[in-house]
Amino acid sequence: MVNPRQANSTLKLIDEYCRYYRNLFSEVRSFKAFTHLHAGIISDMPLLNWGMVERSRAVSNAR
């Protein structure tokens, strides 16, 4: 049987929070998605709305 690999670390805050939920996930990629979801929640990136997406597509299509 193959040993499961360990998930890569993200921020210490997220790792400490998510380690309590590690046993809920049977696959590492599901757990990684869970941690990346939390990283996205606390990131300071601006939220995209459909108007911004459409304007950026219109500019790229015009070129």
N, C-alpha and C. Protein backbone atom coordinates (compact mmCIF):
# COMPACT_ATOMS: atom_id res chain seq x y z
N MET A 1 0.84 -1.18 0.00
CA MET A 1 0.00 0.00 0.00
C MET A 1 0.88 1.24 0.00
N VAL A 2 0.46 2.24 -0.70
CA VAL A 2 1.21 3.49 -0.82
C VAL A 2 0.89 4.39 0.36
N ASN A 3 1.91 4.96 0.95
CA ASN A 3 1.70 5.92 2.03
C ASN A 3 1.20 7.23 1.47
N PRO A 4 0.19 7.84 2.11
CA PRO A 4 -0.30 9.14 1.62
C PRO A 4 0.74 10.22 1.84
N ARG A 5 0.81 11.14 0.89
CA ARG A 5 1.78 12.23 1.02
C ARG A 5 1.21 13.33 1.89
N GLN A 6 2.08 14.14 2.42
CA GLN A 6 1.68 15.24 3.29
C GLN A 6 1.36 16.47 2.46
N ALA A 7 0.42 17.26 2.93
CA ALA A 7 0.07 18.50 2.24
C ALA A 7 1.15 19.54 2.49
N ASN A 8 1.39 20.40 1.51
CA ASN A 8 2.34 21.50 1.67
C ASN A 8 1.78 22.52 2.65
N SER A 9 2.67 23.20 3.34
CA SER A 9 2.20 24.18 4.32
C SER A 9 1.85 25.49 3.63
N THR A 10 0.91 26.21 4.21
CA THR A 10 0.53 27.55 3.74
C THR A 10 0.92 28.52 4.85
N LEU A 11 0.06 29.37 5.24
CA LEU A 11 0.32 30.26 6.37
C LEU A 11 0.14 29.49 7.67
N LYS A 12 0.91 29.85 8.67
CA LYS A 12 0.85 29.14 9.95
C LYS A 12 -0.55 29.22 10.55
N LEU A 13 -1.19 30.37 10.43
CA LEU A 13 -2.53 30.56 10.95
C LEU A 13 -3.50 29.57 10.30
N ILE A 14 -3.42 29.45 8.99
CA ILE A 14 -4.32 28.55 8.26
C ILE A 14 -4.00 27.09 8.58
N ASP A 15 -2.72 26.77 8.65
CA ASP A 15 -2.32 25.39 8.97
C ASP A 15 -2.83 24.97 10.35
N GLU A 16 -2.70 25.86 11.32
CA GLU A 16 -3.16 25.54 12.67
C GLU A 16 -4.68 25.38 12.73
N TYR A 17 -5.38 26.22 11.99
CA TYR A 17 -6.84 26.13 11.98
C TYR A 17 -7.30 24.86 11.26
N CYS A 18 -6.71 24.56 10.11
CA CYS A 18 -7.18 23.46 9.28
C CYS A 18 -6.74 22.09 9.78
N ARG A 19 -5.74 22.02 10.64
CA ARG A 19 -5.27 20.70 11.09
C ARG A 19 -6.33 19.96 11.87
N TYR A 20 -7.26 20.67 12.48
CA TYR A 20 -8.35 20.01 13.20
C TYR A 20 -9.32 19.32 12.25
N TYR A 21 -9.34 19.73 11.00
CA TYR A 21 -10.25 19.17 10.01
C TYR A 21 -9.56 18.16 9.08
N ARG A 22 -8.28 17.90 9.29
CA ARG A 22 -7.51 17.03 8.40
C ARG A 22 -8.10 15.63 8.29
N ASN A 23 -8.62 15.08 9.38
CA ASN A 23 -9.14 13.72 9.34
C ASN A 23 -10.46 13.60 8.58
N LEU A 24 -11.07 14.72 8.20
CA LEU A 24 -12.30 14.68 7.41
C LEU A 24 -12.03 14.41 5.93
N PHE A 25 -10.79 14.61 5.49
CA PHE A 25 -10.45 14.50 4.08
C PHE A 25 -9.65 13.23 3.83
N SER A 26 -10.11 12.43 2.89
CA SER A 26 -9.41 11.18 2.58
C SER A 26 -8.25 11.40 1.61
N GLU A 27 -8.28 12.49 0.86
CA GLU A 27 -7.23 12.77 -0.12
C GLU A 27 -6.52 14.08 0.23
N VAL A 28 -5.24 14.12 -0.10
CA VAL A 28 -4.45 15.32 0.18
C VAL A 28 -4.94 16.49 -0.67
N ARG A 29 -5.31 16.23 -1.91
CA ARG A 29 -5.73 17.34 -2.77
C ARG A 29 -7.00 18.00 -2.26
N SER A 30 -7.89 17.22 -1.65
CA SER A 30 -9.09 17.82 -1.05
C SER A 30 -8.72 18.71 0.13
N PHE A 31 -7.79 18.25 0.93
CA PHE A 31 -7.34 19.04 2.08
C PHE A 31 -6.61 20.30 1.61
N LYS A 32 -5.79 20.18 0.55
CA LYS A 32 -5.11 21.35 0.00
C LYS A 32 -6.11 22.37 -0.52
N ALA A 33 -7.17 21.89 -1.18
CA ALA A 33 -8.20 22.80 -1.66
C ALA A 33 -8.88 23.51 -0.49
N PHE A 34 -9.09 22.78 0.59
CA PHE A 34 -9.68 23.36 1.80
C PHE A 34 -8.80 24.47 2.37
N THR A 35 -7.49 24.21 2.44
CA THR A 35 -6.57 25.23 2.97
C THR A 35 -6.46 26.42 2.02
N HIS A 36 -6.44 26.16 0.71
CA HIS A 36 -6.36 27.27 -0.24
C HIS A 36 -7.64 28.10 -0.23
N LEU A 37 -8.76 27.46 0.03
CA LEU A 37 -10.01 28.20 0.16
C LEU A 37 -9.93 29.18 1.33
N HIS A 38 -9.37 28.73 2.43
CA HIS A 38 -9.21 29.62 3.59
C HIS A 38 -8.18 30.72 3.31
N ALA A 39 -7.15 30.39 2.56
CA ALA A 39 -6.17 31.42 2.20
C ALA A 39 -6.82 32.48 1.32
N GLY A 40 -7.71 32.07 0.43
CA GLY A 40 -8.42 33.02 -0.42
C GLY A 40 -9.38 33.89 0.36
N ILE A 41 -9.97 33.33 1.40
CA ILE A 41 -10.91 34.10 2.22
C ILE A 41 -10.20 35.24 2.95
N ILE A 42 -8.99 34.98 3.46
CA ILE A 42 -8.32 36.03 4.23
C ILE A 42 -7.39 36.89 3.39
N SER A 43 -7.26 36.60 2.09
CA SER A 43 -6.37 37.41 1.26
C SER A 43 -6.99 38.79 1.03
N ASP A 44 -6.15 39.73 0.66
CA ASP A 44 -6.64 41.09 0.44
C ASP A 44 -6.81 41.41 -1.04
N MET A 45 -7.03 40.38 -1.85
CA MET A 45 -7.30 40.62 -3.27
C MET A 45 -8.70 41.19 -3.42
N PRO A 46 -8.88 42.12 -4.35
CA PRO A 46 -10.23 42.66 -4.54
C PRO A 46 -11.13 41.60 -5.18
N LEU A 47 -12.41 41.66 -4.84
CA LEU A 47 -13.36 40.72 -5.42
C LEU A 47 -13.67 41.13 -6.85
N LEU A 48 -13.78 40.15 -7.72
CA LEU A 48 -14.15 40.42 -9.10
C LEU A 48 -15.66 40.37 -9.24
N ASN A 49 -16.19 41.26 -10.03
CA ASN A 49 -17.60 41.15 -10.36
C ASN A 49 -17.71 40.94 -11.87
N TRP A 50 -18.89 40.59 -12.34
CA TRP A 50 -19.05 40.25 -13.76
C TRP A 50 -18.77 41.43 -14.67
N GLY A 51 -19.02 42.65 -14.23
CA GLY A 51 -18.74 43.82 -15.05
C GLY A 51 -17.25 43.97 -15.32
N MET A 52 -16.44 43.73 -14.31
CA MET A 52 -14.98 43.81 -14.49
C MET A 52 -14.49 42.73 -15.44
N VAL A 53 -15.06 41.54 -15.32
CA VAL A 53 -14.65 40.43 -16.19
C VAL A 53 -15.02 40.75 -17.64
N GLU A 54 -16.22 41.24 -17.86
CA GLU A 54 -16.67 41.55 -19.22
C GLU A 54 -15.83 42.68 -19.83
N ARG A 55 -15.50 43.70 -19.05
CA ARG A 55 -14.68 44.79 -19.57
C ARG A 55 -13.29 44.30 -19.95
N SER A 56 -12.73 43.43 -19.14
CA SER A 56 -11.38 42.91 -19.45
C SER A 56 -11.43 42.02 -20.67
N ARG A 57 -12.50 41.27 -20.86
CA ARG A 57 -12.63 40.43 -22.05
C ARG A 57 -12.82 41.28 -23.29
N ALA A 58 -13.57 42.39 -23.17
CA ALA A 58 -13.80 43.27 -24.31
C ALA A 58 -12.50 43.92 -24.76
N VAL A 59 -11.66 44.31 -23.82
CA VAL A 59 -10.37 44.92 -24.16
C VAL A 59 -9.48 43.90 -24.85
N SER A 60 -9.43 42.68 -24.32
CA SER A 60 -8.55 41.67 -24.91
C SER A 60 -9.06 41.22 -26.28
N ASN A 61 -10.38 41.23 -26.49
CA ASN A 61 -10.93 40.84 -27.79
C ASN A 61 -10.73 41.93 -28.83
N ALA A 62 -10.61 43.19 -28.40
CA ALA A 62 -10.44 44.31 -29.33
C ALA A 62 -9.02 44.33 -29.91
N ARG A 63 -8.09 43.71 -29.23
CA ARG A 63 -6.70 43.74 -29.70
C ARG A 63 -6.46 42.82 -30.82
